[in-house]
C-alpha atoms as a PDB file:
ATOM      1  CA  TRP A   1     -18.833-120.678  -4.958  1.00  0.00           C
ATOM      2  CA  LEU A   2     -21.561-118.085  -4.938  1.00  0.00           C
ATOM      3  CA  GLU A   3     -22.359-115.987  -1.924  1.00  0.00           C
ATOM      4  CA  PRO A   4     -25.513-117.062  -0.057  1.00  0.00           C
ATOM      5  CA  VAL A   5     -28.847-115.386  -0.828  1.00  0.00           C
ATOM      6  CA  SER A   6     -31.935-114.775   1.287  1.00  0.00           C
ATOM      7  CA  HIS A   7     -34.498-116.087  -1.207  1.00  0.00           C
ATOM      8  CA  VAL A   8     -34.678-117.847  -4.553  1.00  0.00           C
ATOM      9  CA  TRP A   9     -37.473-116.672  -6.850  1.00  0.00           C
ATOM     10  CA  SER A  10     -38.651-118.301 -10.073  1.00  0.00           C
ATOM     11  CA  ILE A  11     -40.497-116.875 -13.069  1.00  0.00           C
ATOM     12  CA  GLY A  12     -41.276-118.241 -16.505  1.00  0.00           C
ATOM     13  CA  ASP A  13     -43.203-117.386 -19.648  1.00  0.00           C
ATOM     14  CA  VAL A  14     -42.529-113.682 -19.218  1.00  0.00           C
ATOM     15  CA  HIS A  15     -42.672-113.040 -22.994  1.00  0.00           C
ATOM     16  CA  ALA A  16     -40.755-109.753 -22.834  1.00  0.00           C
ATOM     17  CA  ASP A  17     -41.428-109.271 -26.557  1.00  0.00           C
ATOM     18  CA  PHE A  18     -44.643-107.594 -25.391  1.00  0.00           C
ATOM     19  CA  LYS A  19     -44.282-104.021 -24.076  1.00  0.00           C
ATOM     20  CA  GLU A  20     -46.559-104.702 -21.124  1.00  0.00           C
ATOM     21  CA  ASN A  21     -44.422-107.617 -19.962  1.00  0.00           C
ATOM     22  CA  LEU A  22     -41.173-105.699 -20.338  1.00  0.00           C
ATOM     23  CA  ALA A  23     -42.789-102.890 -18.333  1.00  0.00           C
ATOM     24  CA  TRP A  24     -43.632-105.465 -15.635  1.00  0.00           C
ATOM     25  CA  ILE A  25     -39.919-106.341 -15.400  1.00  0.00           C
ATOM     26  CA  ASN A  26     -39.117-102.644 -15.014  1.00  0.00           C
ATOM     27  CA  GLU A  27     -41.587-102.371 -12.129  1.00  0.00           C
ATOM     28  CA  LEU A  28     -40.184-105.283 -10.132  1.00  0.00           C
ATOM     29  CA  PRO A  29     -38.812-104.157  -6.790  1.00  0.00           C
ATOM     30  CA  ALA A  30     -35.124-104.625  -6.032  1.00  0.00           C
ATOM     31  CA  HIS A  31     -34.167-107.965  -4.499  1.00  0.00           C
ATOM     32  CA  SER A  32     -30.478-107.241  -4.061  1.00  0.00           C
ATOM     33  CA  ASN A  33     -29.878-110.213  -1.748  1.00  0.00           C
ATOM     34  CA  ASP A  34     -31.972-112.738  -3.703  1.00  0.00           C
ATOM     35  CA  ALA A  35     -31.532-115.011  -6.711  1.00  0.00           C
ATOM     36  CA  LEU A  36     -33.903-115.387  -9.653  1.00  0.00           C
ATOM     37  CA  LEU A  37     -34.396-118.462 -11.823  1.00  0.00           C
ATOM     38  CA  VAL A  38     -35.892-117.578 -15.221  1.00  0.00           C
ATOM     39  CA  THR A  39     -37.417-120.793 -16.569  1.00  0.00           C
ATOM     40  CA  GLY A  40     -37.704-120.022 -20.257  1.00  0.00           C
ATOM     41  CA  ASN A  41     -39.849-118.169 -22.756  1.00  0.00           C
ATOM     42  CA  LEU A  42     -38.371-114.791 -21.915  1.00  0.00           C
ATOM     43  CA  GLY A  43     -38.159-113.614 -25.528  1.00  0.00           C
ATOM     44  CA  THR A  44     -37.720-114.680 -29.119  1.00  0.00           C
ATOM     45  CA  SER A  45     -34.900-112.395 -30.278  1.00  0.00           C
ATOM     46  CA  LEU A  46     -31.383-111.783 -29.045  1.00  0.00           C
ATOM     47  CA  GLN A  47     -32.191-108.110 -28.487  1.00  0.00           C
ATOM     48  CA  VAL A  48     -35.221-108.859 -26.305  1.00  0.00           C
ATOM     49  CA  LEU A  49     -33.333-111.500 -24.308  1.00  0.00           C
ATOM     50  CA  ALA A  50     -30.397-109.180 -23.670  1.00  0.00           C
ATOM     51  CA  ARG A  51     -32.645-106.264 -22.680  1.00  0.00           C
ATOM     52  CA  ALA A  52     -34.771-108.352 -20.319  1.00  0.00           C
ATOM     53  CA  LEU A  53     -31.836-110.166 -18.698  1.00  0.00           C
ATOM     54  CA  LYS A  54     -29.953-106.903 -18.121  1.00  0.00           C
ATOM     55  CA  ARG A  55     -32.999-105.401 -16.436  1.00  0.00           C
ATOM     56  CA  LEU A  56     -33.525-108.474 -14.275  1.00  0.00           C
ATOM     57  CA  LYS A  57     -29.842-108.497 -13.277  1.00  0.00           C
ATOM     58  CA  LYS A  58     -30.236-104.940 -11.971  1.00  0.00           C
ATOM     59  CA  ARG A  59     -32.908-106.190  -9.558  1.00  0.00           C
ATOM     60  CA  PHE A  60     -31.411-109.470  -8.291  1.00  0.00           C
ATOM     61  CA  LYS A  61     -28.047-110.547  -6.935  1.00  0.00           C
ATOM     62  CA  TYR A  62     -27.988-113.532  -9.298  1.00  0.00           C
ATOM     63  CA  VAL A  63     -30.073-114.389 -12.350  1.00  0.00           C
ATOM     64  CA  PHE A  64     -30.045-117.953 -13.675  1.00  0.00           C
ATOM     65  CA  TYR A  65     -31.601-118.550 -17.068  1.00  0.00           C
ATOM     66  CA  VAL A  66     -32.912-121.716 -18.735  1.00  0.00           C
ATOM     67  CA  LEU A  67     -33.916-121.829 -22.407  1.00  0.00           C
ATOM     68  CA  GLY A  68     -37.580-122.294 -23.244  1.00  0.00           C
ATOM     69  CA  ASN A  69     -39.120-123.425 -26.498  1.00  0.00           C
ATOM     70  CA  GLN A  70     -39.464-119.836 -27.745  1.00  0.00           C
ATOM     71  CA  GLU A  71     -35.757-119.148 -27.310  1.00  0.00           C
ATOM     72  CA  LEU A  72     -35.069-122.151 -29.512  1.00  0.00           C
ATOM     73  CA  TRP A  73     -36.964-120.599 -32.421  1.00  0.00           C
ATOM     74  CA  VAL A  74     -34.642-119.207 -35.050  1.00  0.00           C
ATOM     75  CA  THR A  75     -36.243-116.475 -37.143  1.00  0.00           C
ATOM     76  CA  LYS A  76     -34.857-115.113 -40.410  1.00  0.00           C
ATOM     77  CA  GLN A  77     -33.425-112.098 -38.635  1.00  0.00           C
ATOM     78  CA  ASP A  78     -31.719-114.262 -35.989  1.00  0.00           C
ATOM     79  CA  ARG A  79     -30.462-117.095 -38.198  1.00  0.00           C
ATOM     80  CA  HIS A  80     -26.910-115.721 -38.363  1.00  0.00           C
ATOM     81  CA  TYR A  81     -26.851-115.127 -34.608  1.00  0.00           C
ATOM     82  CA  ALA A  82     -28.639-118.235 -33.349  1.00  0.00           C
ATOM     83  CA  HIS A  83     -25.578-119.527 -31.479  1.00  0.00           C
ATOM     84  CA  ARG A  84     -25.250-116.160 -29.679  1.00  0.00           C
ATOM     85  CA  LYS A  85     -28.962-116.144 -28.877  1.00  0.00           C
ATOM     86  CA  HIS A  86     -28.721-119.572 -27.267  1.00  0.00           C
ATOM     87  CA  SER A  87     -25.718-118.610 -25.177  1.00  0.00           C
ATOM     88  CA  ALA A  88     -27.191-115.275 -23.973  1.00  0.00           C
END
């Protein structure tokens, strides 16, 4: 079981592929006793997903992530890593 949290927050369609949106993640205040549900469309590449999720994890006690339609896209550069991208 997980330890209780004070609040559960939800965000979606962050599109961290854009510098401005990744900067927004960096500016989020710490919510060290809260959980965050990310409801898809965080980024289109494995690198962007990993970077954004790591930054969100630094700000919340728990981060739960659900795939969006953009995460399901497989580009040429990601085709060999699609299974890793979907399990990020």
